[in-house]
């Protein structure tokens, strides 16, 4: 298991949480190790364009592309989820994302920002991430989010599992789309519920 150490995100906290969830974890930006690992976790903290710059500078986008081309699982967290979309608009800066999913990440319409603290998640039907965690709360720290889902999946490909939360308005709290999954909240800051969610993700790797 690799946590992508590309210069952004709580890499040490994420690594410790994965260890607690039962993983053998390496922190690295080495392409070979990151592409060939059983699973890759991509954290992200800060501005959308800054995270994209760090990913581009370390070859992180190419690593994610190579993994997904080989159906190798990837989990994005917080801004590591946001950059999977086509665009991010933050404080007047319009930046291109990785484009794994169509759509724009922008500011929530809410009376108080950032959205910081514990919140419930409405888990999508058939979610593996939230199995046994449907009534738990998770820890969020963000002002921007994906507020709609634009990818039209045509059978025989399975439909993505979309999980939602609400702060001022509904937003995507998590996506499970084949080998690519992501959470807007921080599992590594979400106590035992977050550890169990990471354990669910690890379990899905072993069953694939």
Foldseek 3Di string as FASTA:
>chain_A
DEEEPLPFAPSVLVQVLLVVLPDDYDYYLDLVCLLPDLEYEYEHDDDLVVSQVSCVVSVVLVSVVSNVVVLRAYEYEASRVQLCEQWEAEPNDIDGGSHVFYAYKYFDDAPDPDPFAWFAKQWFPPDLLCVVPNPAIFTAHGGIATADGDDDDDPPQDDKTFMWTDHNHIGTQKIGHRRYIYGNTDLSPGPPSSSVSSSSVVVVSVVD
